[in-house]
N, C-alpha and C. Protein backbone atom coordinates (compact mmCIF):
# COMPACT_ATOMS: atom_id res chain seq x y z
N MET A 1 0.91 -1.03 0.03
CA MET A 1 -0.02 -0.11 -0.02
C MET A 1 1.07 0.91 0.00
N SER A 2 0.24 2.11 -0.90
CA SER A 2 1.42 3.25 -0.77
C SER A 2 1.05 4.87 0.11
N VAL A 3 1.86 5.37 0.30
CA VAL A 3 2.24 6.63 1.51
C VAL A 3 0.13 7.43 0.70
N VAL A 4 0.55 7.33 -0.08
CA VAL A 4 -0.87 8.27 -0.77
C VAL A 4 -2.18 7.72 -0.02
N GLU A 5 -2.39 6.30 -0.39
CA GLU A 5 -3.39 5.01 -0.02
C GLU A 5 -3.54 5.06 0.96
N GLN A 6 -2.41 5.12 2.11
CA GLN A 6 -2.54 4.65 3.62
C GLN A 6 -2.98 6.41 4.11
N ARG A 7 -2.82 7.92 3.48
CA ARG A 7 -3.35 8.44 3.87
C ARG A 7 -5.06 8.90 3.48
N TYR A 8 -5.12 8.49 2.04
CA TYR A 8 -6.46 8.54 1.98
C TYR A 8 -7.64 7.71 2.59
N ARG A 9 -6.99 6.69 3.26
CA ARG A 9 -7.64 5.52 4.14
C ARG A 9 -8.02 6.45 5.49
N ALA A 10 -7.24 6.98 5.80
CA ALA A 10 -7.09 7.35 7.13
C ALA A 10 -8.06 8.66 7.02
N VAL A 11 -8.13 9.73 6.20
CA VAL A 11 -8.74 10.63 5.96
C VAL A 11 -10.58 9.98 5.72
N LEU A 12 -10.35 9.29 4.88
CA LEU A 12 -12.14 8.54 4.48
C LEU A 12 -12.36 8.08 5.79
N ALA A 13 -11.75 7.53 6.80
CA ALA A 13 -12.32 6.98 8.36
C ALA A 13 -12.65 8.09 9.15
N VAL A 14 -11.63 9.17 8.75
CA VAL A 14 -12.05 10.53 9.62
C VAL A 14 -13.34 11.17 9.18
N LEU A 15 -13.34 10.75 7.67
CA LEU A 15 -14.87 11.03 7.29
C LEU A 15 -15.78 10.81 7.24
N ALA A 16 -15.91 9.62 7.54
CA ALA A 16 -16.88 8.46 7.99
C ALA A 16 -17.47 8.18 9.29
N GLY A 17 -16.85 9.17 10.29
CA GLY A 17 -17.75 9.42 11.80
C GLY A 17 -15.94 8.93 12.36
N ALA A 18 -15.06 8.51 12.59
CA ALA A 18 -13.99 7.84 13.33
C ALA A 18 -13.90 9.33 13.73
N THR A 19 -12.76 9.47 14.98
CA THR A 19 -12.15 10.82 15.61
C THR A 19 -10.65 10.58 14.83
N VAL A 20 -10.19 11.92 15.21
CA VAL A 20 -8.73 12.10 14.61
C VAL A 20 -7.95 11.44 15.39
N THR A 21 -8.27 11.51 16.75
CA THR A 21 -7.33 10.97 17.85
C THR A 21 -7.39 9.42 17.46
N GLU A 22 -8.31 8.43 17.18
CA GLU A 22 -8.58 7.26 17.04
C GLU A 22 -7.94 6.81 15.72
N VAL A 23 -7.81 7.47 14.50
CA VAL A 23 -7.34 7.29 13.48
C VAL A 23 -5.70 7.27 13.46
N ALA A 24 -4.96 8.44 14.26
CA ALA A 24 -3.78 8.78 14.50
C ALA A 24 -3.06 7.86 15.82
N ALA A 25 -4.19 7.35 16.24
CA ALA A 25 -3.49 5.88 17.19
C ALA A 25 -3.21 4.78 16.08
N GLN A 26 -3.90 4.74 15.63
CA GLN A 26 -3.68 3.30 14.57
C GLN A 26 -3.03 3.32 13.92
N LEU A 27 -2.42 4.41 13.23
CA LEU A 27 -1.84 4.74 12.13
C LEU A 27 0.00 5.27 12.83
N GLY A 28 -0.27 5.39 13.83
CA GLY A 28 0.98 6.13 14.91
C GLY A 28 1.49 7.14 14.41
N VAL A 29 0.26 8.34 14.12
CA VAL A 29 1.26 9.42 13.95
C VAL A 29 0.53 10.42 14.96
N SER A 30 0.90 11.63 14.93
CA SER A 30 0.20 12.66 16.00
C SER A 30 -1.27 12.93 15.16
N ARG A 31 -2.33 13.99 16.13
CA ARG A 31 -3.40 14.07 15.37
C ARG A 31 -3.03 15.19 14.34
N GLN A 32 -2.18 15.98 14.99
CA GLN A 32 -2.08 17.22 13.64
C GLN A 32 -1.52 16.95 12.54
N THR A 33 -0.85 15.73 12.08
CA THR A 33 -0.62 14.85 11.01
C THR A 33 -1.58 14.33 10.30
N VAL A 34 -2.95 13.93 10.89
CA VAL A 34 -4.38 13.27 10.34
C VAL A 34 -5.49 14.42 10.21
N SER A 35 -4.86 15.78 10.81
CA SER A 35 -5.58 17.01 10.63
C SER A 35 -5.29 17.43 9.25
N GLY A 36 -3.83 17.39 9.30
CA GLY A 36 -3.19 18.33 8.42
C GLY A 36 -4.00 17.78 6.97
N TRP A 37 -3.64 16.18 6.65
CA TRP A 37 -3.83 15.51 5.77
C TRP A 37 -5.46 15.51 4.83
N LYS A 38 -6.04 15.82 6.30
CA LYS A 38 -7.46 16.01 6.12
C LYS A 38 -7.76 17.30 5.40
N SER A 39 -7.42 18.29 5.91
CA SER A 39 -6.99 19.61 5.31
C SER A 39 -6.90 19.54 3.95
N ARG A 40 -5.64 19.17 3.84
CA ARG A 40 -5.31 19.11 2.38
C ARG A 40 -6.14 17.99 1.35
N TYR A 41 -6.46 17.18 1.64
CA TYR A 41 -7.60 16.57 1.22
C TYR A 41 -8.91 17.55 0.66
N ALA A 42 -8.97 18.39 1.58
CA ALA A 42 -10.52 19.20 1.18
C ALA A 42 -9.93 20.57 0.42
N ALA A 43 -8.67 20.71 0.10
CA ALA A 43 -8.45 21.73 -0.23
C ALA A 43 -7.86 21.23 -2.02
N LEU A 44 -7.03 20.18 -1.81
CA LEU A 44 -6.59 20.14 -3.09
C LEU A 44 -7.05 18.43 -3.80
N GLY A 45 -7.66 17.48 -2.82
CA GLY A 45 -8.14 16.82 -3.42
C GLY A 45 -6.88 15.44 -3.10
N LEU A 46 -7.27 14.24 -4.02
CA LEU A 46 -5.88 13.30 -3.90
C LEU A 46 -4.59 13.80 -4.18
N ALA A 47 -4.21 14.85 -4.78
CA ALA A 47 -3.15 15.03 -5.38
C ALA A 47 -2.36 16.26 -3.88
N GLY A 48 -3.25 16.61 -3.07
CA GLY A 48 -2.27 16.89 -1.93
C GLY A 48 -2.23 15.91 -0.74
N LEU A 49 -2.22 14.81 -1.02
CA LEU A 49 -2.07 13.48 0.21
C LEU A 49 -0.35 13.09 -0.07
N GLY A 50 -0.24 13.56 -1.35
CA GLY A 50 1.41 13.04 -1.93
C GLY A 50 2.13 13.86 -1.20
N ASP A 51 3.23 13.56 -0.80
CA ASP A 51 4.92 13.41 -0.55
C ASP A 51 5.21 15.13 -1.12
N ARG A 52 5.22 16.32 -0.28
CA ARG A 52 5.82 17.39 -0.75
C ARG A 52 7.25 17.83 -0.25
N SER A 53 7.39 18.60 -1.49
CA SER A 53 9.16 19.11 -0.97
C SER A 53 9.52 19.75 0.28
N ARG A 54 10.04 19.65 1.04
CA ARG A 54 10.56 20.10 2.31
C ARG A 54 12.01 21.15 1.89
N ARG A 55 11.69 21.52 0.40
CA ARG A 55 12.69 22.89 0.21
C ARG A 55 12.52 24.02 0.58
N PRO A 56 12.69 24.58 1.29
CA PRO A 56 12.57 25.99 1.85
C PRO A 56 11.75 27.04 0.63
N ALA A 57 10.81 27.78 0.23
CA ALA A 57 10.29 28.33 -0.70
C ALA A 57 11.56 29.30 -1.06
N SER A 58 12.01 30.27 -0.18
CA SER A 58 13.26 30.93 -0.48
C SER A 58 14.37 30.89 0.36
N CYS A 59 15.58 31.72 0.17
CA CYS A 59 16.35 31.69 0.70
C CYS A 59 17.03 33.06 0.90
N PRO A 60 16.38 34.12 2.13
CA PRO A 60 16.79 35.29 1.71
C PRO A 60 18.31 36.11 1.61
N HIS A 61 19.08 35.07 2.05
CA HIS A 61 20.60 35.77 2.22
C HIS A 61 21.27 35.10 0.84
N GLN A 62 20.88 35.00 -0.07
CA GLN A 62 21.59 33.57 -1.04
C GLN A 62 21.38 35.55 -2.10
N ALA A 63 23.13 34.96 -2.54
CA ALA A 63 23.06 36.07 -3.61
C ALA A 63 22.12 36.16 -4.75
N SER A 64 21.61 37.61 -5.22
CA SER A 64 21.12 37.36 -6.28
C SER A 64 21.46 37.15 -7.87
N ALA A 65 20.25 36.74 -8.64
CA ALA A 65 21.19 36.55 -10.02
C ALA A 65 21.74 37.52 -10.61
N GLU A 66 21.39 38.65 -10.47
CA GLU A 66 22.52 40.13 -11.17
C GLU A 66 24.04 39.54 -10.60
N VAL A 67 23.76 39.22 -8.86
CA VAL A 67 25.27 39.18 -8.49
C VAL A 67 26.31 37.78 -9.01
N GLU A 68 25.03 36.95 -8.93
CA GLU A 68 25.98 35.86 -9.43
C GLU A 68 26.48 35.95 -11.17
N ALA A 69 25.43 36.66 -12.12
CA ALA A 69 26.19 36.79 -13.25
C ALA A 69 27.01 37.47 -13.75
N ALA A 70 27.35 38.73 -12.29
CA ALA A 70 28.67 39.42 -12.65
C ALA A 70 29.93 38.77 -12.03
N VAL A 71 29.37 38.16 -11.41
CA VAL A 71 30.82 37.37 -10.25
C VAL A 71 31.06 36.08 -11.89
N CYS A 72 30.05 35.80 -12.54
CA CYS A 72 30.75 34.76 -13.45
C CYS A 72 31.44 35.41 -14.71
N GLU A 73 30.72 36.51 -14.93
CA GLU A 73 30.83 37.30 -16.18
C GLU A 73 32.64 37.80 -15.92
N LEU A 74 32.62 38.25 -15.05
CA LEU A 74 34.38 38.68 -13.99
C LEU A 74 35.12 37.84 -14.35
N ARG A 75 34.65 36.26 -13.94
CA ARG A 75 35.82 35.25 -13.58
C ARG A 75 36.04 34.85 -15.33
N ARG A 76 34.88 34.77 -15.67
CA ARG A 76 35.25 34.30 -17.37
C ARG A 76 36.58 35.15 -18.49
N LYS A 77 35.98 36.77 -17.54
CA LYS A 77 36.78 37.55 -18.67
C LYS A 77 38.55 38.03 -17.83
N HIS A 78 38.40 37.50 -16.37
CA HIS A 78 39.90 37.19 -16.13
C HIS A 78 40.13 35.95 -15.24
N PRO A 79 40.08 35.00 -15.71
CA PRO A 79 40.49 33.88 -15.30
C PRO A 79 41.81 33.54 -13.87
N GLY A 80 42.64 34.73 -14.17
CA GLY A 80 43.46 34.89 -12.93
C GLY A 80 42.59 35.39 -11.57
N TRP A 81 41.76 36.00 -11.76
CA TRP A 81 41.31 36.68 -10.56
C TRP A 81 40.78 35.67 -9.73
N GLY A 82 40.92 35.82 -8.26
CA GLY A 82 40.40 34.77 -7.52
C GLY A 82 38.74 35.74 -6.93
N PRO A 83 38.38 35.13 -5.61
CA PRO A 83 37.18 35.39 -4.75
C PRO A 83 37.50 36.71 -4.17
N ARG A 84 38.50 36.82 -3.85
CA ARG A 84 39.51 38.19 -3.17
C ARG A 84 39.11 39.51 -4.06
N ARG A 85 39.86 39.34 -5.33
CA ARG A 85 39.75 40.16 -6.25
C ARG A 85 38.91 40.60 -7.10
N ILE A 86 37.42 39.63 -7.31
CA ILE A 86 36.20 39.79 -8.01
C ILE A 86 35.55 40.27 -6.84
N ALA A 87 35.53 40.22 -5.57
CA ALA A 87 34.21 40.87 -4.27
C ALA A 87 34.98 42.33 -4.62
N HIS A 88 36.81 42.47 -4.31
CA HIS A 88 36.34 43.75 -4.54
C HIS A 88 36.66 44.64 -5.57
N VAL A 89 36.45 43.89 -7.09
CA VAL A 89 35.84 44.69 -7.84
C VAL A 89 34.19 44.85 -7.89
N LEU A 90 34.01 43.87 -7.33
CA LEU A 90 32.24 44.18 -7.42
C LEU A 90 31.86 45.63 -6.34
N GLU A 91 32.24 45.60 -5.38
CA GLU A 91 32.50 46.48 -4.68
C GLU A 91 32.96 47.84 -4.69
N ARG A 92 33.82 48.05 -5.41
CA ARG A 92 34.11 49.39 -6.64
C ARG A 92 33.01 49.40 -7.29
N SER A 93 32.80 48.87 -8.39
CA SER A 93 32.13 49.24 -9.32
C SER A 93 30.60 49.50 -8.70
N GLY A 94 30.28 49.48 -7.98
CA GLY A 94 28.90 49.68 -7.16
C GLY A 94 27.99 48.81 -7.32
N VAL A 95 28.27 47.21 -7.56
CA VAL A 95 27.17 46.08 -7.79
C VAL A 95 25.55 46.57 -7.35
N VAL A 96 24.45 45.81 -7.73
CA VAL A 96 23.44 46.20 -7.35
C VAL A 96 22.76 44.87 -6.18
N GLY A 97 22.67 45.53 -5.13
CA GLY A 97 22.42 44.95 -3.92
C GLY A 97 23.55 44.76 -2.89
N PRO A 98 23.59 44.24 -2.08
CA PRO A 98 25.08 44.01 -0.90
C PRO A 98 26.06 43.34 -1.82
N VAL A 99 26.93 44.02 -1.39
CA VAL A 99 28.20 43.30 -1.82
C VAL A 99 28.50 41.78 -1.47
N PRO A 100 28.75 40.60 -2.13
CA PRO A 100 28.85 39.84 -1.49
C PRO A 100 30.59 39.46 -1.46
N SER A 101 30.35 38.84 -0.14
CA SER A 101 31.48 38.86 0.61
C SER A 101 32.62 37.53 -0.37
N ARG A 102 34.21 37.27 0.00
CA ARG A 102 34.93 36.46 -0.22
C ARG A 102 34.48 34.60 -0.41
N MET A 103 33.77 34.59 0.09
CA MET A 103 33.26 33.12 0.76
C MET A 103 32.58 33.21 -0.30
N THR A 104 31.39 33.86 -0.41
CA THR A 104 29.98 33.78 -0.98
C THR A 104 30.63 33.91 -2.65
N VAL A 105 31.48 34.70 -2.83
CA VAL A 105 31.99 34.76 -4.06
C VAL A 105 32.90 33.74 -4.62
N TYR A 106 33.28 32.91 -3.53
CA TYR A 106 33.75 31.40 -4.14
C TYR A 106 32.92 30.42 -4.35
N ARG A 107 31.76 30.47 -3.04
CA ARG A 107 30.87 29.55 -3.55
C ARG A 107 30.56 29.37 -4.95
N ILE A 108 29.88 30.96 -5.45
CA ILE A 108 29.42 31.17 -6.51
C ILE A 108 30.33 30.47 -7.80
N LEU A 109 31.71 30.31 -7.46
CA LEU A 109 32.40 29.81 -8.59
C LEU A 109 32.41 28.48 -8.97
N VAL A 110 32.45 28.27 -7.22
CA VAL A 110 32.31 26.45 -7.29
C VAL A 110 31.14 26.09 -7.86
N ARG A 111 29.88 26.53 -7.60
CA ARG A 111 28.62 26.01 -7.79
C ARG A 111 28.75 26.01 -9.22
N HIS A 112 29.06 26.63 -9.98
CA HIS A 112 29.04 27.31 -11.51
C HIS A 112 30.65 26.66 -12.25
N GLY A 113 30.93 25.68 -11.59
CA GLY A 113 32.48 25.03 -12.31
C GLY A 113 33.52 26.14 -12.52
N LEU A 114 33.72 27.14 -12.38
CA LEU A 114 34.84 27.96 -12.65
C LEU A 114 35.70 27.61 -12.33
N VAL A 115 36.00 27.09 -10.69
CA VAL A 115 37.18 27.27 -9.99
C VAL A 115 36.94 25.63 -9.44
N GLU A 116 37.79 24.81 -8.89
CA GLU A 116 37.80 23.36 -8.85
C GLU A 116 38.05 23.54 -6.93
N PRO A 117 37.04 23.09 -6.12
CA PRO A 117 36.98 22.81 -5.14
C PRO A 117 38.58 22.83 -4.27
N GLY A 118 39.13 23.42 -3.27
CA GLY A 118 40.51 23.44 -2.67
C GLY A 118 40.56 22.16 -1.76
N VAL A 119 41.41 21.86 -1.12
CA VAL A 119 41.51 20.73 -0.32
C VAL A 119 41.10 21.52 0.96
N ARG A 120 40.41 20.50 1.83
CA ARG A 120 39.91 21.51 2.95
C ARG A 120 40.82 20.70 4.43
N ARG A 121 41.32 19.81 4.23
CA ARG A 121 42.14 18.93 5.65
C ARG A 121 43.65 18.86 4.91
N ARG A 122 44.57 18.94 5.66
CA ARG A 122 46.06 18.60 5.70
C ARG A 122 45.76 16.78 5.80
N LYS A 123 47.10 16.69 4.77
CA LYS A 123 47.37 15.50 4.88
C LYS A 123 47.76 14.68 5.94
N ARG A 124 48.28 13.51 6.45
CA ARG A 124 49.12 12.97 7.13
C ARG A 124 50.60 13.22 7.06
N SER A 125 51.14 13.08 6.07
CA SER A 125 52.45 13.58 5.42
C SER A 125 52.75 14.93 5.34
N ASP A 126 51.64 15.49 6.32
CA ASP A 126 52.40 17.38 5.79
C ASP A 126 52.72 17.64 7.63
N TYR A 127 52.23 16.67 8.17
CA TYR A 127 52.21 17.01 9.81
C TYR A 127 53.69 16.84 10.06
N LYS A 128 54.80 17.63 11.11
CA LYS A 128 56.11 17.60 11.56
C LYS A 128 55.92 16.75 12.89
N ARG A 129 56.56 15.52 12.60
CA ARG A 129 56.71 15.00 13.98
C ARG A 129 57.88 15.55 14.86
N TRP A 130 57.39 15.57 16.06
CA TRP A 130 58.73 16.34 17.30
C TRP A 130 59.35 15.48 17.51
N GLN A 131 59.06 13.74 17.21
CA GLN A 131 59.78 12.58 17.78
C GLN A 131 61.22 12.62 17.14
N ARG A 132 62.34 12.00 17.79
CA ARG A 132 64.01 12.07 17.06
C ARG A 132 64.53 10.58 17.65
N ASP A 133 65.05 10.19 16.85
CA ASP A 133 65.51 9.07 16.75
C ASP A 133 66.19 8.47 18.08
N ARG A 134 67.19 9.47 18.85
CA ARG A 134 67.72 9.05 20.06
C ARG A 134 67.07 10.08 21.43
N ALA A 135 67.15 9.85 22.35
CA ALA A 135 67.09 10.20 23.56
C ALA A 135 67.86 11.48 23.91
N MET A 136 67.08 13.37 23.93
CA MET A 136 68.13 13.93 24.38
C MET A 136 68.46 14.65 23.27
N GLN A 137 67.94 14.31 21.97
CA GLN A 137 68.15 15.17 20.57
C GLN A 137 67.01 16.44 20.69
N LEU A 138 66.54 16.39 21.26
CA LEU A 138 65.10 17.51 20.88
C LEU A 138 65.15 17.63 22.80
N TRP A 139 65.44 19.34 22.69
CA TRP A 139 64.62 19.90 24.16
C TRP A 139 63.57 21.09 23.63
N GLN A 140 62.63 20.69 24.72
CA GLN A 140 61.65 21.71 24.34
C GLN A 140 61.48 22.02 25.81
N MET A 141 61.12 23.64 25.97
CA MET A 141 60.70 24.41 27.16
C MET A 141 59.67 25.32 26.73
N ASP A 142 58.72 25.28 27.87
CA ASP A 142 57.63 25.73 27.79
C ASP A 142 57.57 26.88 28.98
N ILE A 143 57.60 28.29 28.74
CA ILE A 143 57.80 29.52 29.18
C ILE A 143 56.86 30.57 29.04
N VAL A 144 56.61 30.96 30.31
CA VAL A 144 55.21 31.17 30.73
C VAL A 144 55.81 32.94 31.63
N GLY A 145 55.68 33.94 31.00
CA GLY A 145 56.08 35.20 31.66
C GLY A 145 58.12 35.48 31.46
N GLY A 146 58.40 34.77 30.35
CA GLY A 146 60.00 35.19 30.07
C GLY A 146 60.75 34.75 30.79
N VAL A 147 61.99 34.77 30.97
CA VAL A 147 62.99 34.07 31.97
C VAL A 147 64.00 35.54 31.72
N MET A 148 64.74 35.55 33.01
CA MET A 148 65.20 36.92 33.30
C MET A 148 66.56 36.43 33.70
N LEU A 149 67.74 36.61 33.04
CA LEU A 149 68.82 36.21 33.17
C LEU A 149 69.98 37.23 34.11
N VAL A 150 69.25 38.42 33.73
CA VAL A 150 70.08 39.41 34.35
C VAL A 150 69.01 40.37 35.42
N ASN A 151 69.12 41.04 36.82
CA ASN A 151 68.69 41.58 37.36
C ASN A 151 68.93 43.04 36.42
N PRO A 152 67.72 43.40 35.94
CA PRO A 152 67.66 44.72 34.96
C PRO A 152 68.47 46.01 35.87
N VAL A 153 68.09 46.29 37.19
CA VAL A 153 68.42 47.06 38.30
C VAL A 153 69.76 46.94 38.14
N THR A 154 70.45 46.19 38.85
CA THR A 154 71.65 46.03 39.42
C THR A 154 72.26 45.40 38.24
N GLY A 155 72.42 44.92 36.95
CA GLY A 155 72.96 44.41 36.40
C GLY A 155 73.57 42.75 36.54
N GLU A 156 73.26 42.04 37.78
CA GLU A 156 73.73 40.94 37.92
C GLU A 156 72.72 39.71 37.71
N LEU A 157 73.59 38.81 38.00
CA LEU A 157 72.82 37.44 37.54
C LEU A 157 71.71 37.24 38.92
């Protein structure tokens, strides 16, 4: 039985006279879920019982299409420019809307395939080991507050 069919049977049971609480308990869902199915069925019919996208309708902090186009155009015109330079040029040229940050410009360039995303983590071979072959080859001191070798007032040790 499909998900839509289960929801349809739940709505039919409520419309036939069963309480929302009883139907919700039988299906193992909340009362609010069954009530939502019922109202969506009343408004949209059987199509309203299907799964809906959970993607947000909008993203208020996303760069506008004009800004994305300007970033891509600058990168294609000047392939050697990176995100920092492009953000600087956009700021100086008076781009429409808020000026994107360096990281926003970088994400736009990656999304459009104009740059390859960089390596995010260091490789194990990049770490420098402080270990030595024999004892006493490496000395290390942790000094807090400095070391006074000479008394600054008298000049003595």
